[in-house]
């Protein structure tokens, strides 16, 4: 069921080329645009998901990034504290590709944000 209309401005030359390409493929402009939208949504969702396989190179890159971030965080926020067990568990999941960085941060910080835990 299509019940939402989208309109936007585009350069006349770009639209003419796009329309010509869709006509050559016997595909309506709206169908192609819906396909682009679906593809973009799928891509965006995939970007926010942890990857099921992380290469050794990527694991090493992530470990190096963590070491760099740890040094910066310790220097800039010496009074902040996350229990080592929670931190290292999340770190391992991120490096292995089992969890996105944002999900790990949300999981670690949730008890502190809700007030269930106090910052030491």
N, C-alpha and C. Protein backbone atom coordinates (compact mmCIF):
# COMPACT_ATOMS: atom_id res chain seq x y z
N UNK A 1 0.85 -1.18 0.00
CA UNK A 1 0.00 0.00 0.00
C UNK A 1 0.89 1.24 0.00
N UNK A 2 0.75 2.05 -1.00
CA UNK A 2 1.55 3.27 -1.13
C UNK A 2 0.67 4.46 -0.79
N UNK A 3 0.94 5.08 0.34
CA UNK A 3 0.09 6.19 0.74
C UNK A 3 0.87 7.43 1.18
N UNK A 4 2.14 7.51 0.80
CA UNK A 4 2.94 8.66 1.16
C UNK A 4 3.65 9.17 -0.08
N UNK A 5 3.49 10.45 -0.36
CA UNK A 5 4.13 11.04 -1.54
C UNK A 5 5.38 11.80 -1.11
N UNK A 6 6.42 11.70 -1.89
CA UNK A 6 7.67 12.40 -1.62
C UNK A 6 7.96 13.30 -2.81
N UNK A 7 8.30 14.53 -2.52
CA UNK A 7 8.72 15.40 -3.62
C UNK A 7 10.01 16.11 -3.20
N UNK A 8 10.88 16.31 -4.17
CA UNK A 8 12.12 17.00 -3.90
C UNK A 8 12.61 17.63 -5.20
N UNK A 9 13.51 18.56 -5.07
CA UNK A 9 14.03 19.25 -6.24
C UNK A 9 15.30 18.55 -6.72
N UNK A 10 15.44 18.53 -8.04
CA UNK A 10 16.61 17.92 -8.66
C UNK A 10 16.94 18.72 -9.92
N UNK A 11 18.21 18.73 -10.28
CA UNK A 11 18.62 19.45 -11.46
C UNK A 11 17.92 18.88 -12.69
N UNK A 12 17.47 19.76 -13.60
CA UNK A 12 16.75 19.29 -14.79
C UNK A 12 17.56 18.28 -15.62
N UNK A 13 18.85 18.52 -15.79
CA UNK A 13 19.67 17.60 -16.58
C UNK A 13 19.76 16.22 -15.93
N UNK A 14 19.91 16.20 -14.63
CA UNK A 14 19.98 14.92 -13.92
C UNK A 14 18.67 14.16 -14.06
N UNK A 15 17.56 14.87 -13.89
CA UNK A 15 16.27 14.20 -14.01
C UNK A 15 16.06 13.67 -15.43
N UNK A 16 16.44 14.46 -16.42
CA UNK A 16 16.27 14.03 -17.82
C UNK A 16 17.09 12.76 -18.10
N UNK A 17 18.31 12.72 -17.61
CA UNK A 17 19.15 11.53 -17.80
C UNK A 17 18.57 10.33 -17.05
N UNK A 18 18.09 10.57 -15.84
CA UNK A 18 17.50 9.50 -15.03
C UNK A 18 16.25 8.96 -15.71
N UNK A 19 15.39 9.86 -16.16
CA UNK A 19 14.15 9.46 -16.84
C UNK A 19 14.46 8.66 -18.10
N UNK A 20 15.43 9.13 -18.87
CA UNK A 20 15.83 8.43 -20.09
C UNK A 20 16.33 7.01 -19.75
N UNK A 21 17.12 6.88 -18.69
CA UNK A 21 17.64 5.57 -18.29
C UNK A 21 16.51 4.64 -17.84
N UNK A 22 15.53 5.17 -17.10
CA UNK A 22 14.42 4.32 -16.66
C UNK A 22 13.56 3.89 -17.85
N UNK A 23 13.38 4.78 -18.80
CA UNK A 23 12.60 4.44 -20.00
C UNK A 23 13.30 3.36 -20.82
N UNK A 24 14.61 3.46 -20.92
CA UNK A 24 15.37 2.46 -21.67
C UNK A 24 15.23 1.07 -21.04
N UNK A 25 15.05 1.04 -19.72
CA UNK A 25 14.91 -0.23 -19.00
C UNK A 25 13.44 -0.58 -18.75
N UNK A 26 12.54 0.22 -19.31
CA UNK A 26 11.10 -0.03 -19.17
C UNK A 26 10.68 -0.15 -17.71
N UNK A 27 11.21 0.77 -16.90
CA UNK A 27 10.93 0.77 -15.47
C UNK A 27 10.47 2.16 -15.06
N UNK A 28 9.34 2.27 -14.36
CA UNK A 28 8.88 3.59 -13.92
C UNK A 28 9.86 4.25 -12.94
N UNK A 29 9.96 5.56 -13.04
CA UNK A 29 10.85 6.33 -12.16
C UNK A 29 10.55 6.01 -10.70
N UNK A 30 9.28 6.00 -10.31
CA UNK A 30 8.92 5.77 -8.91
C UNK A 30 9.39 4.39 -8.43
N UNK A 31 9.30 3.40 -9.29
CA UNK A 31 9.74 2.05 -8.92
C UNK A 31 11.25 2.03 -8.64
N UNK A 32 12.01 2.72 -9.48
CA UNK A 32 13.46 2.79 -9.30
C UNK A 32 13.79 3.53 -8.00
N UNK A 33 13.10 4.64 -7.75
CA UNK A 33 13.36 5.40 -6.52
C UNK A 33 13.01 4.59 -5.28
N UNK A 34 11.89 3.86 -5.32
CA UNK A 34 11.55 2.99 -4.18
C UNK A 34 12.63 1.94 -3.96
N UNK A 35 13.15 1.39 -5.06
CA UNK A 35 14.24 0.42 -4.96
C UNK A 35 15.48 1.03 -4.32
N UNK A 36 15.82 2.26 -4.73
CA UNK A 36 16.95 2.95 -4.12
C UNK A 36 16.72 3.14 -2.62
N UNK A 37 15.49 3.54 -2.26
CA UNK A 37 15.18 3.76 -0.85
C UNK A 37 15.31 2.46 -0.05
N UNK A 38 14.77 1.37 -0.60
CA UNK A 38 14.88 0.08 0.10
C UNK A 38 16.34 -0.34 0.26
N UNK A 39 17.11 -0.14 -0.79
CA UNK A 39 18.53 -0.46 -0.72
C UNK A 39 19.26 0.36 0.31
N UNK A 40 18.94 1.65 0.37
CA UNK A 40 19.60 2.51 1.34
C UNK A 40 19.22 2.11 2.77
N UNK A 41 17.96 1.81 3.00
CA UNK A 41 17.52 1.39 4.33
C UNK A 41 18.25 0.10 4.73
N UNK A 42 18.33 -0.86 3.84
CA UNK A 42 19.03 -2.11 4.13
C UNK A 42 20.51 -1.85 4.42
N UNK A 43 21.12 -0.98 3.63
CA UNK A 43 22.52 -0.64 3.85
C UNK A 43 22.70 0.02 5.21
N UNK A 44 21.85 0.99 5.55
CA UNK A 44 21.96 1.70 6.82
C UNK A 44 21.78 0.75 8.00
N UNK A 45 20.85 -0.18 7.90
CA UNK A 45 20.64 -1.15 8.96
C UNK A 45 21.86 -2.05 9.11
N UNK A 46 22.45 -2.44 7.99
CA UNK A 46 23.63 -3.30 8.03
C UNK A 46 24.80 -2.57 8.67
N UNK A 47 24.91 -1.26 8.44
CA UNK A 47 26.01 -0.48 9.02
C UNK A 47 25.93 -0.44 10.54
N UNK A 48 24.73 -0.55 11.08
CA UNK A 48 24.55 -0.48 12.53
C UNK A 48 24.57 -1.84 13.20
N UNK A 49 24.81 -2.88 12.43
CA UNK A 49 24.86 -4.23 12.98
C UNK A 49 26.30 -4.69 13.07
N UNK A 50 26.62 -5.47 14.10
CA UNK A 50 27.96 -6.03 14.15
C UNK A 50 28.15 -7.02 13.00
N UNK A 51 29.33 -7.13 12.52
CA UNK A 51 29.62 -8.04 11.42
C UNK A 51 29.82 -9.45 11.96
N UNK A 52 29.34 -10.43 11.22
CA UNK A 52 29.45 -11.81 11.68
C UNK A 52 30.88 -12.33 11.53
N UNK A 53 31.68 -11.73 10.66
CA UNK A 53 33.05 -12.15 10.49
C UNK A 53 33.95 -10.93 10.48
N UNK A 54 34.97 -10.96 11.29
CA UNK A 54 35.92 -9.87 11.34
C UNK A 54 37.30 -10.45 11.04
N UNK A 55 37.96 -9.92 10.04
CA UNK A 55 39.28 -10.42 9.66
C UNK A 55 40.31 -10.12 10.75
N UNK A 56 41.42 -10.82 10.70
CA UNK A 56 42.50 -10.58 11.67
C UNK A 56 43.00 -9.15 11.56
N UNK A 57 43.11 -8.65 10.34
CA UNK A 57 43.55 -7.26 10.14
C UNK A 57 42.61 -6.29 10.83
N UNK A 58 41.29 -6.54 10.68
CA UNK A 58 40.31 -5.66 11.30
C UNK A 58 40.37 -5.77 12.82
N UNK A 59 40.56 -6.97 13.34
CA UNK A 59 40.69 -7.14 14.80
C UNK A 59 41.89 -6.36 15.32
N UNK A 60 43.01 -6.44 14.60
CA UNK A 60 44.21 -5.70 15.01
C UNK A 60 43.97 -4.20 14.94
N UNK A 61 43.27 -3.75 13.90
CA UNK A 61 42.96 -2.32 13.78
C UNK A 61 42.10 -1.87 14.95
N UNK A 62 41.10 -2.69 15.30
CA UNK A 62 40.21 -2.35 16.42
C UNK A 62 40.96 -2.34 17.75
N UNK A 63 41.86 -3.31 17.94
CA UNK A 63 42.64 -3.34 19.18
C UNK A 63 43.52 -2.09 19.29
N UNK A 64 44.14 -1.70 18.19
CA UNK A 64 44.96 -0.49 18.19
C UNK A 64 44.12 0.74 18.49
N UNK A 65 42.92 0.79 17.91
CA UNK A 65 42.02 1.91 18.17
C UNK A 65 41.63 1.96 19.65
N UNK A 66 41.39 0.78 20.24
CA UNK A 66 41.06 0.74 21.66
C UNK A 66 42.22 1.24 22.51
N UNK A 67 43.43 0.79 22.20
CA UNK A 67 44.59 1.24 22.98
C UNK A 67 44.73 2.76 22.90
N UNK A 68 44.54 3.31 21.72
CA UNK A 68 44.62 4.75 21.53
C UNK A 68 43.53 5.46 22.33
N UNK A 69 42.31 4.93 22.24
CA UNK A 69 41.19 5.54 22.96
C UNK A 69 41.37 5.43 24.47
N UNK A 70 41.89 4.30 24.93
CA UNK A 70 42.11 4.12 26.37
C UNK A 70 43.06 5.18 26.92
N UNK A 71 44.14 5.42 26.18
CA UNK A 71 45.10 6.43 26.63
C UNK A 71 44.48 7.81 26.67
N UNK A 72 43.70 8.15 25.64
CA UNK A 72 43.04 9.45 25.60
C UNK A 72 42.01 9.59 26.71
N UNK A 73 41.22 8.55 26.91
CA UNK A 73 40.17 8.61 27.93
C UNK A 73 40.76 8.71 29.32
N UNK A 74 41.81 7.95 29.59
CA UNK A 74 42.44 7.99 30.91
C UNK A 74 43.01 9.37 31.19
N UNK A 75 43.53 10.00 30.16
CA UNK A 75 44.10 11.34 30.31
C UNK A 75 43.01 12.40 30.48
N UNK A 76 41.96 12.32 29.68
CA UNK A 76 40.92 13.34 29.68
C UNK A 76 39.88 13.15 30.77
N UNK A 77 39.61 11.91 31.16
CA UNK A 77 38.56 11.63 32.12
C UNK A 77 39.08 10.74 33.25
N UNK A 78 40.05 11.22 34.04
CA UNK A 78 40.67 10.35 35.03
C UNK A 78 39.72 9.89 36.14
N UNK A 79 38.63 10.58 36.37
CA UNK A 79 37.72 10.22 37.45
C UNK A 79 36.59 9.30 37.01
N UNK A 80 36.42 9.10 35.70
CA UNK A 80 35.37 8.20 35.22
C UNK A 80 35.80 6.76 35.41
N UNK A 81 34.83 5.91 35.69
CA UNK A 81 35.17 4.53 35.99
C UNK A 81 34.10 3.58 35.48
N UNK A 82 34.50 2.60 34.74
CA UNK A 82 33.64 1.50 34.33
C UNK A 82 34.33 0.25 34.85
N UNK A 83 33.62 -0.61 35.57
CA UNK A 83 34.27 -1.82 36.10
C UNK A 83 35.00 -2.58 35.01
N UNK A 84 36.23 -3.04 35.29
CA UNK A 84 37.03 -3.73 34.28
C UNK A 84 36.32 -4.91 33.63
N UNK A 85 35.57 -5.68 34.40
CA UNK A 85 34.91 -6.85 33.81
C UNK A 85 33.93 -6.43 32.72
N UNK A 86 33.15 -5.38 32.94
CA UNK A 86 32.20 -4.90 31.94
C UNK A 86 32.93 -4.34 30.73
N UNK A 87 33.97 -3.59 31.00
CA UNK A 87 34.73 -2.96 29.93
C UNK A 87 35.38 -4.01 29.04
N UNK A 88 36.09 -4.96 29.63
CA UNK A 88 36.81 -5.95 28.84
C UNK A 88 35.86 -6.90 28.11
N UNK A 89 34.71 -7.19 28.70
CA UNK A 89 33.72 -8.02 28.02
C UNK A 89 33.21 -7.31 26.77
N UNK A 90 32.86 -6.04 26.91
CA UNK A 90 32.38 -5.26 25.76
C UNK A 90 33.48 -5.10 24.72
N UNK A 91 34.69 -4.84 25.17
CA UNK A 91 35.82 -4.67 24.25
C UNK A 91 36.01 -5.92 23.41
N UNK A 92 35.99 -7.08 24.04
CA UNK A 92 36.17 -8.34 23.32
C UNK A 92 35.06 -8.55 22.29
N UNK A 93 33.82 -8.21 22.65
CA UNK A 93 32.70 -8.39 21.72
C UNK A 93 32.83 -7.47 20.51
N UNK A 94 33.27 -6.24 20.74
CA UNK A 94 33.44 -5.29 19.64
C UNK A 94 34.55 -5.76 18.71
N UNK A 95 35.68 -6.15 19.27
CA UNK A 95 36.81 -6.58 18.45
C UNK A 95 36.45 -7.82 17.65
N UNK A 96 35.67 -8.73 18.25
CA UNK A 96 35.27 -9.96 17.55
C UNK A 96 34.15 -9.72 16.55
N UNK A 97 33.55 -8.53 16.57
CA UNK A 97 32.46 -8.24 15.65
C UNK A 97 31.11 -8.75 16.12
N UNK A 98 31.01 -9.10 17.39
CA UNK A 98 29.75 -9.60 17.94
C UNK A 98 28.82 -8.49 18.40
N UNK A 99 29.35 -7.27 18.48
CA UNK A 99 28.57 -6.15 18.99
C UNK A 99 29.11 -4.87 18.37
N UNK A 100 28.21 -3.94 18.05
CA UNK A 100 28.67 -2.65 17.52
C UNK A 100 29.17 -1.80 18.69
N UNK A 101 30.00 -0.83 18.38
CA UNK A 101 30.53 0.05 19.41
C UNK A 101 29.40 0.78 20.12
N UNK A 102 28.42 1.27 19.37
CA UNK A 102 27.30 1.99 19.99
C UNK A 102 26.50 1.09 20.92
N UNK A 103 26.25 -0.15 20.50
CA UNK A 103 25.52 -1.08 21.36
C UNK A 103 26.30 -1.36 22.64
N UNK A 104 27.62 -1.49 22.53
CA UNK A 104 28.44 -1.73 23.71
C UNK A 104 28.37 -0.54 24.67
N UNK A 105 28.49 0.66 24.13
CA UNK A 105 28.40 1.84 24.98
C UNK A 105 27.04 1.92 25.67
N UNK A 106 26.00 1.67 24.90
CA UNK A 106 24.65 1.71 25.47
C UNK A 106 24.50 0.69 26.59
N UNK A 107 25.03 -0.51 26.37
CA UNK A 107 24.92 -1.57 27.37
C UNK A 107 25.70 -1.24 28.64
N UNK A 108 26.91 -0.72 28.46
CA UNK A 108 27.74 -0.39 29.62
C UNK A 108 27.17 0.78 30.41
N UNK A 109 26.69 1.79 29.70
CA UNK A 109 26.27 3.02 30.37
C UNK A 109 24.82 3.00 30.85
N UNK A 110 24.02 2.07 30.37
CA UNK A 110 22.60 2.04 30.75
C UNK A 110 22.36 2.05 32.25
N UNK A 111 23.05 1.21 33.03
CA UNK A 111 22.79 1.23 34.49
C UNK A 111 23.16 2.56 35.14
N UNK A 112 24.17 3.23 34.60
CA UNK A 112 24.59 4.51 35.16
C UNK A 112 23.60 5.62 34.79
N UNK A 113 23.11 5.56 33.56
CA UNK A 113 22.14 6.56 33.10
C UNK A 113 20.82 6.43 33.87
N UNK A 114 20.44 5.21 34.19
CA UNK A 114 19.16 4.99 34.89
C UNK A 114 19.28 5.23 36.37
N UNK A 115 20.51 5.37 36.88
CA UNK A 115 20.70 5.59 38.30
C UNK A 115 20.83 4.30 39.10
N UNK A 116 20.76 3.13 38.42
CA UNK A 116 20.86 1.85 39.11
C UNK A 116 22.26 1.64 39.68
N UNK A 117 23.26 2.25 39.04
CA UNK A 117 24.64 2.18 39.55
C UNK A 117 25.16 3.60 39.69
N UNK A 118 26.00 3.78 40.67
CA UNK A 118 26.62 5.08 40.88
C UNK A 118 28.01 5.04 40.29
N UNK A 119 28.45 6.16 39.76
CA UNK A 119 29.81 6.25 39.24
C UNK A 119 30.75 6.34 40.43
N UNK A 120 31.77 5.49 40.44
CA UNK A 120 32.72 5.44 41.57
C UNK A 120 33.58 6.69 41.60
